[in-house]
Amino acid sequence: MSNSSPHLDFFKAKELILSEIGGEGYQFLSEKEELLFRFTTPVPGKERLFDSLGILRNYIENFRLYNFEEGYFSVQALNENLFEPEKNLSNKIRFRFSYQSSSLKLEASKRGDFTLKEIQTCLALFRFFTGSESKKRDPKEILTKLGAEVFDPKEEKAKGTLLGFEHIFGYEGVKSQVMESLVMPLLKPDPFQEITKLTRKFPGSILPRAVLFEGDPGVGKTTMAKVAASLCYVPMIYVPIESILSKYYGESSQNLAMVFDAASLFDKSMLFLDEIDSLATSREDGLFEATRNLLSVLLRKLDGFATQSRIITIGATNRKEDLDPALLSRFDRKIFFPLPNREERAQILEGYALQLSWEDRLSLSENLEGASGRNLKDFCDYVERRWITQGWKESEAISAPGATFYRESLPDFRWK
């Protein structure tokens, strides 16, 4: 298995660039045995020049500043292993920034083919300095290509499938915490900023920027995030772990950075990182370099989002103890999703076995101790399939199974 970003020959690289940003405003050519990508924009100011180094850091793990002087500096990519001798750096990409009173000229050059990661770096810099990202790119399109899913309440409302708290049975305490930590801060941010003028010596914002959902699999963490997004009427970006991880060196951290960048293109949004413990386990356990890079990007992006009142990041885990302490400290609020108790199990069964009485559902729930909401749904699905298979005839109208049939189905339903 390779641990390097794949190389693209000149024509494949050009095709990719054309598909991403069109054919105007830049040059991509071969000159004196080097490949060059260059463009010119109005001078952006020193602060924006400094911010561009953060973009480079998202894609190029190790680099060094060279020739830093008035009106010019260059950035040289280094070897992946910093302990190796710095040789053959001509085969590593270099970025040259020349800025005068009215214009910035940026040139990326390398002897040999660009890697996919290097091309994506050039594209990110081009969009950053030309402002073409928000004009030309649909964040949904970017996120879909990265394997993320966008839950859009506007689309759900049009389909008649908009979610609310009534779609989650029980969990009243969790719902209250979600209201105070997610829904109200996004719906009405001003009071959360104004109250500190009455209480603090140095007023500031108390808006939560990152919230951690902790609980066993199947307790409704993802569904609760979708409900919160529906109540706020903002998109929820669901990032499954497998869409981030890559076999190529550095690409996982690059993908994660791109997800955060795409999320920032929405006016308001929630970013849901599922199984975040797989992205960022504790450094005390010993990490591979690629995992350290991924954790570094995640921490940096969470810090960057801390200044934005329109985006909240939600992390979900069933192993909070495995998370890195530095990452845990970034979450303003930790919300625990317990397994449902007897009464809550009966409430959940009401959603999937409405024909049963409250007493029957309570009786069933006693035999399902330790079951999650997902387990209870799976049980009811199983009972209904069994009911149709064993008792229904095509000549008869379908009827709902009774409590006795549910109890008889319990021994065969192995959910633990």
Protein backbone atom coordinates (compact mmCIF):
# COMPACT_ATOMS: atom_id res chain seq x y z
CA MET A 1 0.00 0.00 0.00
CA SER A 2 1.38 3.39 -0.97
CA ASN A 3 1.58 6.14 1.60
CA SER A 4 2.06 8.97 -0.90
CA SER A 5 -0.43 11.15 -2.73
CA PRO A 6 -0.68 9.91 -6.35
CA HIS A 7 1.09 11.80 -9.15
CA LEU A 8 -0.84 13.05 -12.18
CA ASP A 9 0.79 13.60 -15.54
CA PHE A 10 0.50 17.04 -17.15
CA PHE A 11 -2.63 16.30 -19.18
CA LYS A 12 -4.55 14.66 -16.32
CA ALA A 13 -3.54 17.53 -14.03
CA LYS A 14 -4.71 20.10 -16.58
CA GLU A 15 -8.02 18.28 -17.02
CA LEU A 16 -8.57 18.30 -13.26
CA ILE A 17 -7.76 22.00 -12.97
CA LEU A 18 -10.10 22.86 -15.86
CA SER A 19 -12.93 20.88 -14.28
CA GLU A 20 -12.45 22.66 -10.95
CA ILE A 21 -11.86 26.33 -11.80
CA GLY A 22 -12.35 26.67 -15.56
CA GLY A 23 -9.74 27.96 -17.98
CA GLU A 24 -9.35 31.65 -17.09
CA GLY A 25 -7.35 33.65 -14.57
CA TYR A 26 -4.28 31.41 -14.32
CA GLN A 27 -1.54 29.65 -16.27
CA PHE A 28 -0.61 25.98 -16.06
CA LEU A 29 2.33 25.06 -18.27
CA SER A 30 5.61 23.23 -18.62
CA GLU A 31 8.68 25.45 -18.76
CA LYS A 32 12.37 24.49 -18.61
CA GLU A 33 11.68 20.99 -17.27
CA GLU A 34 9.39 22.40 -14.56
CA LEU A 35 5.63 22.44 -14.19
CA LEU A 36 4.25 25.86 -13.28
CA PHE A 37 0.92 27.03 -11.93
CA ARG A 38 0.69 30.81 -11.63
CA PHE A 39 -1.89 33.55 -11.31
CA THR A 40 -2.08 37.26 -10.49
CA THR A 41 -4.64 39.02 -8.28
CA PRO A 42 -4.99 42.43 -6.65
CA VAL A 43 -2.72 42.59 -3.60
CA PRO A 44 -4.68 41.01 -0.72
CA GLY A 45 -2.99 42.63 2.28
CA LYS A 46 -0.54 41.18 4.76
CA GLU A 47 -3.14 39.56 7.00
CA ARG A 48 -4.60 37.57 4.10
CA LEU A 49 -1.11 36.60 2.96
CA PHE A 50 -0.46 35.25 6.43
CA ASP A 51 -3.78 33.34 6.36
CA SER A 52 -2.71 31.65 3.13
CA LEU A 53 0.02 29.84 5.08
CA GLY A 54 -2.75 28.09 6.98
CA ILE A 55 -4.14 26.83 3.67
CA LEU A 56 -0.69 25.52 2.75
CA ARG A 57 -0.50 23.80 6.13
CA ASN A 58 -3.74 21.94 5.42
CA TYR A 59 -2.18 20.25 2.39
CA ILE A 60 1.62 20.38 2.76
CA GLU A 61 2.63 18.81 6.06
CA ASN A 62 6.24 20.05 6.22
CA PHE A 63 7.48 23.26 4.64
CA ARG A 64 9.92 26.10 5.25
CA LEU A 65 9.84 29.81 4.51
CA TYR A 66 12.68 31.03 2.27
CA ASN A 67 13.73 34.47 1.03
CA PHE A 68 11.41 36.38 3.32
CA GLU A 69 11.85 40.03 2.36
CA GLU A 70 9.82 43.10 1.48
CA GLY A 71 7.54 42.28 -1.43
CA TYR A 72 8.58 38.62 -1.75
CA PHE A 73 8.74 35.31 0.06
CA SER A 74 8.75 31.67 -0.97
CA VAL A 75 7.62 28.45 0.67
CA GLN A 76 9.52 25.23 0.02
CA ALA A 77 7.93 21.81 0.69
CA LEU A 78 10.24 19.49 2.61
CA ASN A 79 10.57 15.75 2.89
CA GLU A 80 7.81 13.91 4.74
CA ASN A 81 10.41 12.72 7.25
CA LEU A 82 12.13 15.79 8.67
CA PHE A 83 15.05 13.70 9.92
CA GLU A 84 16.04 12.75 6.39
CA PRO A 85 18.71 14.93 4.73
CA GLU A 86 17.28 17.83 2.76
CA LYS A 87 18.25 16.59 -0.68
CA ASN A 88 16.49 16.68 -4.03
CA LEU A 89 14.26 19.54 -2.92
CA SER A 90 13.97 20.51 -6.59
CA ASN A 91 11.56 17.57 -6.78
CA LYS A 92 9.42 19.18 -4.08
CA ILE A 93 6.92 21.91 -4.85
CA ARG A 94 7.83 25.55 -4.12
CA PHE A 95 5.41 28.48 -3.85
CA ARG A 96 6.65 31.99 -4.66
CA PHE A 97 4.68 35.04 -3.51
CA SER A 98 5.58 38.35 -5.19
CA TYR A 99 3.51 41.33 -4.12
CA GLN A 100 3.80 44.94 -5.13
CA SER A 101 1.62 47.96 -4.36
CA SER A 102 -1.28 46.77 -6.51
CA SER A 103 -0.89 43.09 -7.34
CA LEU A 104 0.12 39.66 -6.05
CA LYS A 105 1.77 37.11 -8.31
CA LEU A 106 1.74 33.58 -6.97
CA GLU A 107 3.68 30.83 -8.69
CA ALA A 108 3.92 27.14 -7.79
CA SER A 109 6.71 25.20 -9.49
CA LYS A 110 8.13 21.71 -9.38
CA ARG A 111 10.49 19.53 -11.37
CA GLY A 112 8.34 16.57 -12.42
CA ASP A 113 4.63 15.86 -12.12
CA PHE A 114 2.44 17.44 -9.45
CA THR A 115 0.80 15.14 -6.94
CA LEU A 116 -2.96 15.29 -6.44
CA LYS A 117 -2.39 16.96 -3.08
CA GLU A 118 -0.17 19.64 -4.66
CA ILE A 119 -2.76 20.39 -7.32
CA GLN A 120 -5.44 20.70 -4.66
CA THR A 121 -3.15 23.11 -2.81
CA CYS A 122 -2.86 25.29 -5.93
CA LEU A 123 -6.63 25.21 -6.40
CA ALA A 124 -7.26 26.14 -2.77
CA LEU A 125 -4.86 29.11 -3.00
CA PHE A 126 -6.41 30.25 -6.27
CA ARG A 127 -9.91 30.19 -4.79
CA PHE A 128 -8.74 31.86 -1.59
CA PHE A 129 -7.08 34.83 -3.31
CA THR A 130 -9.54 35.25 -6.18
CA GLY A 131 -12.67 34.77 -4.06
CA SER A 132 -13.97 32.20 -6.52
CA GLU A 133 -14.77 29.53 -3.91
CA SER A 134 -18.06 30.93 -2.75
CA LYS A 135 -19.05 32.13 -6.21
CA LYS A 136 -18.33 29.00 -8.21
CA ARG A 137 -18.53 26.11 -5.78
CA ASP A 138 -21.62 24.62 -4.25
CA PRO A 139 -20.69 23.39 -0.75
CA LYS A 140 -23.06 20.42 -1.16
CA GLU A 141 -21.17 19.40 -4.29
CA ILE A 142 -17.80 19.63 -2.51
CA LEU A 143 -19.04 17.68 0.51
CA THR A 144 -20.67 14.98 -1.59
CA LYS A 145 -17.38 14.38 -3.42
CA LEU A 146 -15.70 13.98 -0.03
CA GLY A 147 -18.24 11.35 1.00
CA ALA A 148 -20.16 13.55 3.44
CA GLU A 149 -23.94 13.79 3.49
CA VAL A 150 -25.91 17.03 3.79
CA PHE A 151 -29.20 16.82 5.67
CA ASP A 152 -31.11 19.88 4.44
CA PRO A 153 -34.29 20.78 6.38
CA LYS A 154 -35.60 22.76 3.38
CA GLU A 155 -35.55 19.62 1.26
CA GLU A 156 -37.00 17.52 4.09
CA LYS A 157 -39.87 19.97 4.54
CA ALA A 158 -40.66 19.82 0.82
CA LYS A 159 -40.82 16.01 1.10
CA GLY A 160 -42.92 16.18 4.27
CA THR A 161 -40.22 14.44 6.32
CA LEU A 162 -39.03 17.31 8.52
CA LEU A 163 -38.03 16.05 11.97
CA GLY A 164 -38.97 17.37 15.42
CA PHE A 165 -38.57 16.34 19.04
CA GLU A 166 -41.76 14.31 18.68
CA HIS A 167 -39.82 11.87 16.50
CA ILE A 168 -37.59 10.98 19.47
CA PHE A 169 -39.42 9.12 22.21
CA GLY A 170 -38.33 9.77 25.79
CA TYR A 171 -34.96 11.48 26.47
CA GLU A 172 -36.61 14.62 27.85
CA GLY A 173 -33.46 15.61 29.76
CA VAL A 174 -31.30 15.25 26.66
CA LYS A 175 -33.78 17.30 24.64
CA SER A 176 -33.52 20.15 27.16
CA GLN A 177 -29.72 20.11 26.92
CA VAL A 178 -29.86 20.12 23.11
CA MET A 179 -32.20 23.11 23.19
CA GLU A 180 -29.85 25.15 25.39
CA SER A 181 -26.60 24.07 23.71
CA LEU A 182 -27.55 23.88 20.03
CA VAL A 183 -30.97 25.12 19.06
CA MET A 184 -31.30 28.40 20.95
CA PRO A 185 -27.72 29.60 20.31
CA LEU A 186 -28.20 29.18 16.55
CA LEU A 187 -31.76 30.51 16.45
CA LYS A 188 -31.23 33.52 18.73
CA PRO A 189 -27.50 34.23 19.22
CA ASP A 190 -27.87 37.87 20.34
CA PRO A 191 -29.09 37.26 23.93
CA PHE A 192 -26.18 34.88 24.50
CA GLN A 193 -23.83 37.72 23.66
CA GLU A 194 -25.74 40.49 25.44
CA ILE A 195 -26.07 38.76 28.82
CA THR A 196 -22.34 38.93 29.49
CA LYS A 197 -22.57 42.74 29.47
CA LEU A 198 -24.59 42.37 32.66
CA THR A 199 -22.50 39.68 34.31
CA ARG A 200 -18.88 39.91 33.19
CA LYS A 201 -16.09 42.33 33.90
CA PHE A 202 -14.96 41.72 30.34
CA PRO A 203 -18.06 40.89 28.23
CA GLY A 204 -17.79 38.30 25.51
CA SER A 205 -19.73 35.52 23.85
CA ILE A 206 -20.97 32.40 25.63
CA LEU A 207 -22.14 30.74 22.41
CA PRO A 208 -21.04 27.08 22.33
CA ARG A 209 -18.91 26.26 19.34
CA ALA A 210 -18.51 22.51 19.76
CA VAL A 211 -20.73 19.98 21.52
CA LEU A 212 -19.92 16.34 22.21
CA PHE A 213 -22.64 13.67 22.04
CA GLU A 214 -21.62 10.63 24.09
CA GLY A 215 -23.50 7.35 24.31
CA ASP A 216 -23.76 3.74 23.21
CA PRO A 217 -24.47 2.93 19.55
CA GLY A 218 -28.15 3.21 18.67
CA VAL A 219 -29.20 5.71 21.34
CA GLY A 220 -30.17 8.41 18.81
CA LYS A 221 -27.16 10.73 18.61
CA THR A 222 -27.38 11.20 14.83
CA THR A 223 -31.16 11.52 14.86
CA MET A 224 -30.98 14.13 17.63
CA ALA A 225 -28.51 16.17 15.56
CA LYS A 226 -30.92 16.02 12.59
CA VAL A 227 -33.77 17.17 14.84
CA ALA A 228 -31.68 20.10 16.09
CA ALA A 229 -30.83 21.06 12.51
CA SER A 230 -34.52 20.85 11.57
CA LEU A 231 -35.55 23.07 14.48
CA CYS A 232 -32.90 25.63 13.51
CA TYR A 233 -33.68 25.16 9.80
CA VAL A 234 -29.99 24.90 8.93
CA PRO A 235 -28.11 22.15 7.03
CA MET A 236 -26.48 19.37 9.01
CA ILE A 237 -23.31 17.98 7.44
CA TYR A 238 -22.93 14.35 8.42
CA VAL A 239 -19.33 13.14 8.08
CA PRO A 240 -18.97 9.33 8.33
CA ILE A 241 -15.50 8.34 9.41
CA GLU A 242 -14.78 6.23 6.34
CA SER A 243 -15.20 9.24 4.05
CA ILE A 244 -12.29 11.02 5.76
CA LEU A 245 -9.72 8.26 6.06
CA SER A 246 -7.44 7.55 3.11
CA LYS A 247 -4.60 5.13 2.38
CA TYR A 248 -2.48 8.00 1.03
CA TYR A 249 -0.14 9.88 3.34
CA GLY A 250 -1.60 13.19 4.49
CA GLU A 251 -4.82 12.85 2.52
CA SER A 252 -7.00 12.09 5.55
CA SER A 253 -6.04 15.36 7.24
CA GLN A 254 -6.47 17.17 3.92
CA ASN A 255 -9.97 15.72 3.49
CA LEU A 256 -10.92 16.80 7.01
CA ALA A 257 -9.68 20.33 6.36
CA MET A 258 -11.71 20.48 3.15
CA VAL A 259 -14.86 19.39 5.00
CA PHE A 260 -14.48 22.26 7.49
CA ASP A 261 -13.73 24.72 4.67
CA ALA A 262 -16.81 23.61 2.72
CA ALA A 263 -19.00 23.85 5.84
CA SER A 264 -17.96 27.48 6.28
CA LEU A 265 -19.54 28.30 2.89
CA PHE A 266 -23.03 27.84 4.34
CA ASP A 267 -24.64 30.86 5.99
CA LYS A 268 -25.32 28.66 9.03
CA SER A 269 -24.73 24.98 9.54
CA MET A 270 -24.08 22.11 11.94
CA LEU A 271 -21.09 19.87 11.30
CA PHE A 272 -21.59 16.36 12.68
CA LEU A 273 -18.42 14.27 13.03
CA ASP A 274 -19.48 10.70 13.74
CA GLU A 275 -17.20 8.28 15.60
CA ILE A 276 -14.81 11.10 16.39
CA ASP A 277 -12.80 8.76 18.61
CA SER A 278 -11.57 7.07 15.41
CA LEU A 279 -10.27 10.42 14.17
CA ALA A 280 -8.60 11.54 17.36
CA THR A 281 -7.63 8.98 19.97
CA SER A 282 -5.52 9.93 22.98
CA ARG A 283 -1.91 10.79 22.31
CA GLU A 284 -1.02 8.84 25.43
CA ASP A 285 -1.81 5.65 23.54
CA GLY A 286 0.89 6.38 20.96
CA LEU A 287 -0.04 7.65 17.51
CA PHE A 288 1.09 7.07 13.98
CA GLU A 289 2.34 10.24 12.32
CA ALA A 290 -0.71 10.35 9.99
CA THR A 291 -3.04 10.21 13.01
CA ARG A 292 -1.12 13.02 14.72
CA ASN A 293 -1.51 15.12 11.58
CA LEU A 294 -5.25 14.41 11.54
CA LEU A 295 -5.63 15.41 15.18
CA SER A 296 -3.59 18.56 14.58
CA VAL A 297 -5.87 19.63 11.72
CA LEU A 298 -8.99 18.86 13.77
CA LEU A 299 -7.79 20.96 16.71
CA ARG A 300 -6.78 23.83 14.45
CA LYS A 301 -10.10 23.83 12.61
CA LEU A 302 -12.11 23.70 15.84
CA ASP A 303 -10.14 26.68 17.11
CA GLY A 304 -10.84 28.51 13.87
CA PHE A 305 -14.57 27.77 14.08
CA ALA A 306 -14.61 29.13 17.63
CA THR A 307 -14.77 32.66 16.21
CA GLN A 308 -17.81 31.90 14.02
CA SER A 309 -21.25 32.23 15.61
CA ARG A 310 -23.00 30.62 12.65
CA ILE A 311 -21.45 27.14 12.77
CA ILE A 312 -21.58 24.54 15.53
CA THR A 313 -19.53 21.36 15.43
CA ILE A 314 -20.98 18.20 16.95
CA GLY A 315 -18.75 15.24 17.75
CA ALA A 316 -20.26 11.84 18.46
CA THR A 317 -18.54 9.02 20.33
CA ASN A 318 -19.28 5.95 22.40
CA ARG A 319 -15.75 6.03 23.87
CA LYS A 320 -15.15 9.46 25.37
CA GLU A 321 -12.34 8.08 27.51
CA ASP A 322 -10.33 7.38 24.34
CA LEU A 323 -10.40 10.98 23.14
CA ASP A 324 -7.32 13.15 23.32
CA PRO A 325 -7.53 15.57 26.31
CA ALA A 326 -6.74 18.55 24.09
CA LEU A 327 -9.67 17.64 21.86
CA LEU A 328 -12.02 17.12 24.80
CA SER A 329 -11.17 20.60 26.06
CA ARG A 330 -12.44 22.09 22.77
CA PHE A 331 -16.00 20.93 23.45
CA ASP A 332 -17.97 23.53 25.41
CA ARG A 333 -20.67 21.00 26.29
CA LYS A 334 -20.74 17.22 26.68
CA ILE A 335 -24.20 15.66 26.44
CA PHE A 336 -24.59 12.07 27.58
CA PHE A 337 -27.19 9.85 25.88
CA PRO A 338 -27.99 7.03 28.34
CA LEU A 339 -29.63 3.77 27.41
CA PRO A 340 -33.40 4.18 27.92
CA ASN A 341 -34.90 3.14 31.24
CA ARG A 342 -38.03 1.02 31.60
CA GLU A 343 -40.52 3.87 31.05
CA GLU A 344 -38.49 5.31 28.18
CA ARG A 345 -38.34 1.92 26.50
CA ALA A 346 -42.12 1.76 26.74
CA GLN A 347 -42.35 5.26 25.20
CA ILE A 348 -40.06 4.20 22.36
CA LEU A 349 -42.15 1.06 21.78
CA GLU A 350 -45.18 3.35 21.39
CA GLY A 351 -43.56 4.69 18.24
CA TYR A 352 -43.20 1.20 16.72
CA ALA A 353 -46.04 -0.77 18.35
CA LEU A 354 -48.83 1.75 18.64
CA GLN A 355 -51.54 -0.94 18.85
CA LEU A 356 -50.23 -2.21 22.21
CA SER A 357 -51.49 -0.80 25.50
CA TRP A 358 -49.19 1.10 27.85
CA GLU A 359 -49.25 -1.85 30.26
CA ASP A 360 -48.22 -4.28 27.50
CA ARG A 361 -45.39 -2.01 26.40
CA LEU A 362 -44.16 -1.71 30.01
CA SER A 363 -44.25 -5.48 30.35
CA LEU A 364 -42.26 -5.91 27.14
CA SER A 365 -39.73 -3.28 28.16
CA GLU A 366 -38.90 -5.26 31.32
CA ASN A 367 -37.64 -8.05 29.07
CA LEU A 368 -35.62 -5.65 26.93
CA GLU A 369 -33.43 -4.13 29.64
CA GLY A 370 -30.22 -2.67 28.17
CA ALA A 371 -31.73 -2.25 24.70
CA SER A 372 -31.08 0.97 22.79
CA GLY A 373 -33.66 2.79 20.72
CA ARG A 374 -32.24 1.15 17.60
CA ASN A 375 -32.47 -2.29 19.25
CA LEU A 376 -36.15 -1.66 20.05
CA LYS A 377 -36.91 -0.64 16.48
CA ASP A 378 -35.08 -3.72 15.20
CA PHE A 379 -37.14 -5.89 17.56
CA CYS A 380 -40.42 -4.44 16.29
CA ASP A 381 -39.25 -4.84 12.68
CA TYR A 382 -38.46 -8.48 13.41
CA VAL A 383 -41.83 -9.12 15.06
CA GLU A 384 -43.73 -7.65 12.10
CA ARG A 385 -41.77 -9.66 9.54
CA ARG A 386 -42.36 -12.81 11.60
CA TRP A 387 -46.07 -12.01 11.94
CA ILE A 388 -46.57 -11.64 8.20
CA THR A 389 -44.45 -14.68 7.35
CA GLN A 390 -46.18 -17.02 9.80
CA GLY A 391 -49.76 -15.86 9.86
CA TRP A 392 -50.79 -13.74 6.89
CA LYS A 393 -52.64 -15.06 3.85
CA GLU A 394 -53.10 -13.03 0.68
CA SER A 395 -56.85 -13.43 0.89
CA GLU A 396 -56.93 -11.78 4.30
CA ALA A 397 -56.57 -8.16 5.38
CA ILE A 398 -53.40 -7.41 7.31
CA SER A 399 -53.85 -7.09 11.06
CA ALA A 400 -51.40 -5.92 13.72
CA PRO A 401 -49.73 -8.49 16.02
CA GLY A 402 -50.86 -8.57 19.65
CA ALA A 403 -48.87 -8.45 22.85
CA THR A 404 -48.71 -12.24 23.14
CA PHE A 405 -46.97 -12.53 19.76
CA TYR A 406 -44.42 -9.89 20.80
CA ARG A 407 -43.65 -11.83 23.97
CA GLU A 408 -43.34 -15.10 22.04
CA SER A 409 -40.85 -13.44 19.69
CA LEU A 410 -38.51 -12.32 22.46
CA PRO A 411 -36.46 -15.56 22.83
CA ASP A 412 -35.48 -15.60 19.14
CA PHE A 413 -34.50 -11.92 19.00
CA ARG A 414 -30.80 -11.83 19.85
CA TRP A 415 -29.80 -8.20 20.13
CA LYS A 416 -27.01 -8.41 22.69
